[in-house]
């Protein structure tokens, strides 16, 4: 009979809940990750990188993150698709949406500033000066998710088409982003991907 009970935050290793999602029996094709951890510009996508390390150590298939050409650019885009695996491995694509100042944010709000103040993990008093910052942070997350929704929809459609037709190649995220900007989408007909007007 122990007189104490030790509890540990599940984010102690990394702050993204990948372990239960990566069980082979789940068979996911796509995991959409909203990483709302404090941004780390000197260590891009730190929590995603830590999740990749966790998976590699345990032999769990995980797309290339650090070795991906997109890794160092994750803070240049509102979202990034990681879908490249080591040879012989397959698994889910990861659509990564980082918490960052982007084109969808309110003009007078800074995420970095918020995490040095009211939004800090170590701030437990939101009722003095921080209420507006916490509200703005929630609003920023909402704006970002809805801002990238057209690209999310296109990625999901392409993955479904690819799986149904047993394809290996799908349009790249850059192609999808350009298509959405032009108000077009990708369609798959008779073995060919085409970019068509919506």
Protein backbone atom coordinates (compact mmCIF):
# COMPACT_ATOMS: atom_id res chain seq x y z
CA UNK A 1 0.00 0.00 0.00
CA UNK A 2 1.80 3.10 -1.26
CA UNK A 3 1.03 6.39 0.44
CA UNK A 4 1.89 8.47 -2.63
CA UNK A 5 0.91 8.36 -6.26
CA UNK A 6 3.15 9.75 -9.00
CA UNK A 7 1.52 11.30 -12.05
CA UNK A 8 3.44 12.47 -15.11
CA UNK A 9 2.17 14.72 -17.89
CA UNK A 10 1.79 12.65 -21.08
CA UNK A 11 3.74 15.35 -22.92
CA UNK A 12 6.93 14.66 -20.96
CA UNK A 13 8.63 12.98 -23.97
CA UNK A 14 6.98 15.08 -26.66
CA UNK A 15 3.82 17.12 -26.79
CA UNK A 16 2.01 15.35 -29.66
CA UNK A 17 -0.16 12.24 -29.04
CA UNK A 18 1.30 9.94 -31.71
CA UNK A 19 1.82 6.64 -29.80
CA UNK A 20 -1.83 5.52 -29.74
CA UNK A 21 -2.33 6.65 -33.35
CA UNK A 22 0.66 4.73 -34.71
CA UNK A 23 -0.48 1.28 -33.65
CA UNK A 24 -0.34 -0.86 -36.77
CA UNK A 25 -3.91 -2.07 -36.23
CA UNK A 26 -5.18 1.51 -36.66
CA UNK A 27 -4.18 1.64 -40.33
CA UNK A 28 -4.43 5.42 -40.69
CA UNK A 29 -3.63 6.99 -44.06
CA UNK A 30 -3.41 10.57 -42.78
CA UNK A 31 -2.83 12.20 -39.42
CA UNK A 32 -3.58 15.91 -39.22
CA UNK A 33 -1.44 17.48 -36.51
CA UNK A 34 -2.21 20.85 -34.99
CA UNK A 35 0.97 21.52 -32.99
CA UNK A 36 -0.10 24.21 -30.55
CA UNK A 37 3.14 24.00 -28.56
CA UNK A 38 5.20 27.16 -28.17
CA UNK A 39 7.02 27.83 -31.46
CA UNK A 40 10.76 27.11 -31.48
CA UNK A 41 12.28 28.95 -34.49
CA UNK A 42 15.79 27.64 -33.74
CA UNK A 43 14.49 24.06 -33.53
CA UNK A 44 11.76 23.78 -36.21
CA UNK A 45 8.84 21.49 -35.42
CA UNK A 46 10.57 20.34 -32.24
CA UNK A 47 7.67 18.22 -30.98
CA UNK A 48 7.26 16.53 -34.37
CA UNK A 49 11.01 15.83 -34.48
CA UNK A 50 10.82 14.30 -30.98
CA UNK A 51 7.87 12.13 -32.11
CA UNK A 52 9.95 10.98 -35.10
CA UNK A 53 12.81 10.02 -32.75
CA UNK A 54 10.36 8.13 -30.51
CA UNK A 55 9.07 6.17 -33.52
CA UNK A 56 12.56 5.39 -34.91
CA UNK A 57 13.79 4.04 -31.56
CA UNK A 58 10.78 1.71 -31.39
CA UNK A 59 10.85 0.66 -35.06
CA UNK A 60 7.48 2.29 -35.73
CA UNK A 61 7.09 3.54 -39.33
CA UNK A 62 7.08 7.34 -39.41
CA UNK A 63 7.62 9.70 -42.34
CA UNK A 64 10.95 11.46 -42.71
CA UNK A 65 10.83 14.74 -40.83
CA UNK A 66 14.38 15.97 -40.24
CA UNK A 67 15.63 14.42 -43.52
CA UNK A 68 12.71 15.92 -45.45
CA UNK A 69 13.37 18.85 -47.76
CA UNK A 70 10.40 20.59 -46.10
CA UNK A 71 11.64 20.34 -42.49
CA UNK A 72 13.53 23.63 -42.28
CA UNK A 73 10.64 25.41 -44.03
CA UNK A 74 7.82 24.39 -41.67
CA UNK A 75 7.54 27.94 -40.35
CA UNK A 76 7.37 29.36 -43.89
CA UNK A 77 3.98 27.72 -44.56
CA UNK A 78 0.75 27.48 -42.62
CA UNK A 79 0.96 23.69 -43.08
CA UNK A 80 3.35 21.06 -44.41
CA UNK A 81 2.71 17.54 -45.71
CA UNK A 82 5.24 14.85 -44.69
CA UNK A 83 4.69 11.70 -46.73
CA UNK A 84 8.17 10.37 -47.53
CA UNK A 85 9.31 7.14 -45.85
CA UNK A 86 12.55 5.21 -45.69
CA UNK A 87 12.72 2.57 -48.43
CA UNK A 88 10.56 -0.43 -47.63
CA UNK A 89 8.43 1.42 -45.07
CA UNK A 90 4.89 2.72 -45.39
CA UNK A 91 2.59 4.50 -43.01
CA UNK A 92 0.35 7.50 -42.63
CA UNK A 93 1.05 10.87 -44.18
CA UNK A 94 1.36 13.65 -41.61
CA UNK A 95 -0.19 17.03 -42.32
CA UNK A 96 1.57 19.37 -39.90
CA UNK A 97 0.00 22.71 -38.90
CA UNK A 98 2.36 24.66 -36.60
CA UNK A 99 1.40 27.43 -34.24
CA UNK A 100 3.02 30.49 -35.77
CA UNK A 101 2.41 34.05 -36.85
CA UNK A 102 0.99 33.62 -40.35
CA UNK A 103 -1.19 35.36 -42.90
CA UNK A 104 -4.36 34.36 -40.99
CA UNK A 105 -3.53 36.00 -37.66
CA UNK A 106 -5.00 39.18 -36.22
CA UNK A 107 -2.70 42.05 -37.15
CA UNK A 108 -1.99 43.25 -33.60
CA UNK A 109 -1.22 39.87 -32.02
CA UNK A 110 2.11 38.03 -31.73
CA UNK A 111 2.25 34.35 -30.85
CA UNK A 112 5.90 34.61 -29.77
CA UNK A 113 5.01 37.56 -27.52
CA UNK A 114 2.08 35.66 -26.08
CA UNK A 115 4.26 32.67 -25.15
CA UNK A 116 6.65 34.98 -23.33
CA UNK A 117 3.74 36.32 -21.31
CA UNK A 118 0.15 35.24 -20.73
CA UNK A 119 0.34 32.05 -22.86
CA UNK A 120 3.45 30.71 -21.12
CA UNK A 121 3.17 27.18 -19.74
CA UNK A 122 4.18 28.59 -16.36
CA UNK A 123 1.52 31.29 -16.20
CA UNK A 124 -1.36 30.23 -13.98
CA UNK A 125 -3.03 33.61 -13.64
CA UNK A 126 -5.00 34.55 -16.75
CA UNK A 127 -7.25 37.05 -15.04
CA UNK A 128 -4.97 40.06 -14.74
CA UNK A 129 -3.54 41.16 -18.07
CA UNK A 130 -3.57 37.92 -20.05
CA UNK A 131 -7.22 37.26 -20.90
CA UNK A 132 -7.04 39.09 -24.21
CA UNK A 133 -3.84 37.28 -25.21
CA UNK A 134 -5.33 33.86 -24.46
CA UNK A 135 -8.49 34.78 -26.41
CA UNK A 136 -6.35 36.01 -29.32
CA UNK A 137 -4.33 32.78 -29.27
CA UNK A 138 -7.54 30.73 -29.54
CA UNK A 139 -8.74 33.02 -32.33
CA UNK A 140 -5.42 32.61 -34.14
CA UNK A 141 -5.70 28.81 -34.03
CA UNK A 142 -9.27 29.03 -35.35
CA UNK A 143 -8.25 31.39 -38.18
CA UNK A 144 -5.32 29.17 -39.16
CA UNK A 145 -7.37 25.97 -39.33
CA UNK A 146 -10.06 27.61 -41.44
CA UNK A 147 -7.44 29.37 -43.53
CA UNK A 148 -5.81 26.09 -44.55
CA UNK A 149 -9.08 24.16 -44.86
CA UNK A 150 -9.10 24.22 -48.70
CA UNK A 151 -5.63 22.62 -48.78
CA UNK A 152 -6.61 20.07 -46.11
CA UNK A 153 -9.66 19.11 -48.18
CA UNK A 154 -7.53 18.73 -51.32
CA UNK A 155 -4.93 16.57 -49.53
CA UNK A 156 -7.65 14.30 -48.14
CA UNK A 157 -9.34 13.98 -51.55
CA UNK A 158 -6.03 13.14 -53.22
CA UNK A 159 -5.17 10.50 -50.63
CA UNK A 160 -8.59 8.88 -51.00
CA UNK A 161 -8.30 8.83 -54.80
CA UNK A 162 -4.76 7.50 -54.54
CA UNK A 163 -5.77 4.71 -52.16
CA UNK A 164 -8.86 3.74 -54.17
CA UNK A 165 -6.81 3.54 -57.36
CA UNK A 166 -3.74 2.00 -55.67
CA UNK A 167 -1.55 4.89 -56.82
CA UNK A 168 1.86 5.74 -55.44
CA UNK A 169 2.14 9.27 -56.82
CA UNK A 170 -0.18 12.06 -55.80
CA UNK A 171 0.18 15.80 -56.43
CA UNK A 172 2.73 17.40 -54.14
CA UNK A 173 1.69 19.79 -51.41
CA UNK A 174 3.24 22.69 -53.34
CA UNK A 175 1.09 21.79 -56.36
CA UNK A 176 -1.98 21.58 -54.13
CA UNK A 177 -1.22 24.97 -52.54
CA UNK A 178 -0.83 26.57 -55.98
CA UNK A 179 -4.04 24.96 -57.21
CA UNK A 180 -6.02 26.22 -54.21
CA UNK A 181 -4.62 29.72 -54.72
CA UNK A 182 -5.90 29.60 -58.31
CA UNK A 183 -9.33 28.28 -57.19
CA UNK A 184 -8.74 24.92 -58.90
CA UNK A 185 -8.43 21.36 -57.66
CA UNK A 186 -6.86 18.07 -58.76
CA UNK A 187 -9.00 15.40 -60.35
CA UNK A 188 -7.98 11.86 -61.27
CA UNK A 189 -9.43 10.44 -64.49
CA UNK A 190 -8.24 7.53 -66.63
CA UNK A 191 -4.86 7.33 -64.93
CA UNK A 192 -4.04 11.05 -65.12
CA UNK A 193 -4.08 13.83 -62.51
CA UNK A 194 -5.51 17.02 -63.96
CA UNK A 195 -5.90 20.48 -62.48
CA UNK A 196 -9.46 21.70 -63.08
CA UNK A 197 -11.44 24.82 -62.24
CA UNK A 198 -13.89 24.39 -59.38
